[in-house]
Amino acid sequence: MPSSTKKYRSALIIIQSILEILIKENEGIVKSRIYKSVGLKTIIGDKYLEQLIVARYVTLNEEKWGKERIRQKVYITKRGLHRFQWFMKLSSELDI
C-alpha cells in the first residue's frame, strides 16, 4: 500500500511566492487571484496576507469596480520588495 505523504511548503516559501506574484503584476492583484496562483485555500491565504500587511510588506486598497461594487487589491510595498530580494538571496545561498 503506497504511503501518501504530502510535502508541505514552509511559510517563508509561501510568502516568497506571494511577493513574487505581486512583483510580476505592477497594477496590484485581487486576493483570490493571489491565492489561486500560489495554491492556497482562502482561510490560509488570508492568514498569510494579514501577516504581510502587519509587517508592511503589502498594502490592501479598496477600489471602485463598476458602478456600485468595490474590490480589494493587494500591492507590494518598497519594504516588501526589499524583503523579497532578501528571500531570494537566502534561498539561493541555502539552496532552498
Protein backbone atom coordinates (compact mmCIF):
# COMPACT_ATOMS: atom_id res chain seq x y z
CA MET A 1 0.00 0.00 0.00
CA PRO A 2 1.66 3.26 -1.11
CA SER A 3 2.09 5.88 1.54
CA SER A 4 0.56 9.22 0.75
CA THR A 5 2.98 11.73 2.14
CA LYS A 6 2.34 15.35 1.43
CA LYS A 7 5.22 17.72 1.11
CA TYR A 8 4.34 20.92 2.89
CA ARG A 9 5.84 24.26 1.92
CA SER A 10 7.46 26.38 4.56
CA ALA A 11 5.85 29.69 5.48
CA LEU A 12 8.81 31.57 4.01
CA ILE A 13 8.41 29.83 0.64
CA ILE A 14 4.70 30.72 0.60
CA ILE A 15 5.43 34.35 1.50
CA GLN A 16 8.15 34.49 -1.15
CA SER A 17 5.68 33.14 -3.73
CA ILE A 18 3.07 35.76 -2.81
CA LEU A 19 5.62 38.58 -3.06
CA GLU A 20 6.89 37.24 -6.38
CA ILE A 21 3.39 37.33 -7.88
CA LEU A 22 2.91 40.90 -6.67
CA ILE A 23 6.21 41.97 -8.22
CA LYS A 24 5.24 40.49 -11.59
CA GLU A 25 1.92 42.37 -11.52
CA ASN A 26 2.58 46.10 -11.16
CA GLU A 27 -1.10 47.06 -11.05
CA GLY A 28 -1.95 45.17 -7.87
CA ILE A 29 -3.89 41.94 -7.68
CA VAL A 30 -7.16 40.85 -6.10
CA LYS A 31 -6.74 38.42 -3.22
CA SER A 32 -8.45 35.49 -4.91
CA ARG A 33 -6.03 35.62 -7.84
CA ILE A 34 -3.06 35.53 -5.46
CA TYR A 35 -4.49 32.55 -3.62
CA LYS A 36 -5.15 30.67 -6.85
CA SER A 37 -1.68 31.41 -8.23
CA VAL A 38 0.04 30.26 -5.03
CA GLY A 39 -2.32 27.33 -4.47
CA LEU A 40 -3.78 28.38 -1.11
CA LYS A 41 -7.22 27.99 0.37
CA THR A 42 -8.85 31.31 1.23
CA ILE A 43 -8.60 30.89 5.01
CA ILE A 44 -4.87 30.11 4.81
CA GLY A 45 -4.27 32.84 2.22
CA ASP A 46 -6.00 35.38 4.45
CA LYS A 47 -3.71 34.37 7.32
CA TYR A 48 -0.56 34.94 5.26
CA LEU A 49 -1.88 38.14 3.74
CA GLU A 50 -2.66 39.53 7.21
CA GLN A 51 0.92 38.75 8.29
CA LEU A 52 2.27 40.57 5.23
CA ILE A 53 0.05 43.60 5.91
CA VAL A 54 1.13 43.78 9.58
CA ALA A 55 4.80 43.51 8.50
CA ARG A 56 4.13 46.30 5.95
CA TYR A 57 5.29 44.15 3.02
CA VAL A 58 1.97 44.74 1.23
CA THR A 59 -0.96 47.12 1.32
CA LEU A 60 -4.62 46.38 0.72
CA ASN A 61 -6.55 49.10 -1.11
CA GLU A 62 -10.25 49.27 -1.87
CA GLU A 63 -11.02 50.37 -5.42
CA LYS A 64 -14.23 51.09 -7.22
CA TRP A 65 -15.21 48.31 -9.60
CA GLY A 66 -18.15 49.08 -11.82
CA LYS A 67 -20.91 51.39 -10.65
CA GLU A 68 -21.65 50.01 -7.20
CA ARG A 69 -19.03 47.41 -6.41
CA ILE A 70 -15.76 47.73 -4.56
CA ARG A 71 -12.89 45.30 -4.75
CA GLN A 72 -9.76 44.97 -2.68
CA LYS A 73 -6.41 44.89 -4.45
CA VAL A 74 -3.08 43.97 -2.93
CA TYR A 75 0.08 45.94 -3.72
CA ILE A 76 3.67 45.25 -2.74
CA THR A 77 5.47 47.99 -0.82
CA LYS A 78 9.12 49.06 -1.11
CA ARG A 79 9.75 47.19 2.12
CA GLY A 80 8.13 44.06 0.65
CA LEU A 81 10.27 44.34 -2.47
CA HIS A 82 13.39 44.67 -0.33
CA ARG A 83 12.45 41.63 1.77
CA PHE A 84 11.73 39.62 -1.37
CA GLN A 85 15.28 40.31 -2.52
CA TRP A 86 16.50 39.03 0.88
CA PHE A 87 14.41 35.87 0.50
CA MET A 88 15.81 35.25 -2.97
CA LYS A 89 19.39 35.71 -1.79
CA LEU A 90 18.88 33.39 1.18
CA SER A 91 17.13 30.79 -0.98
CA SER A 92 19.99 30.75 -3.47
CA GLU A 93 22.70 30.65 -0.78
CA LEU A 94 20.98 27.88 1.16
CA ASP A 95 19.76 26.04 -1.94
CA ILE A 96 16.14 26.07 -0.76
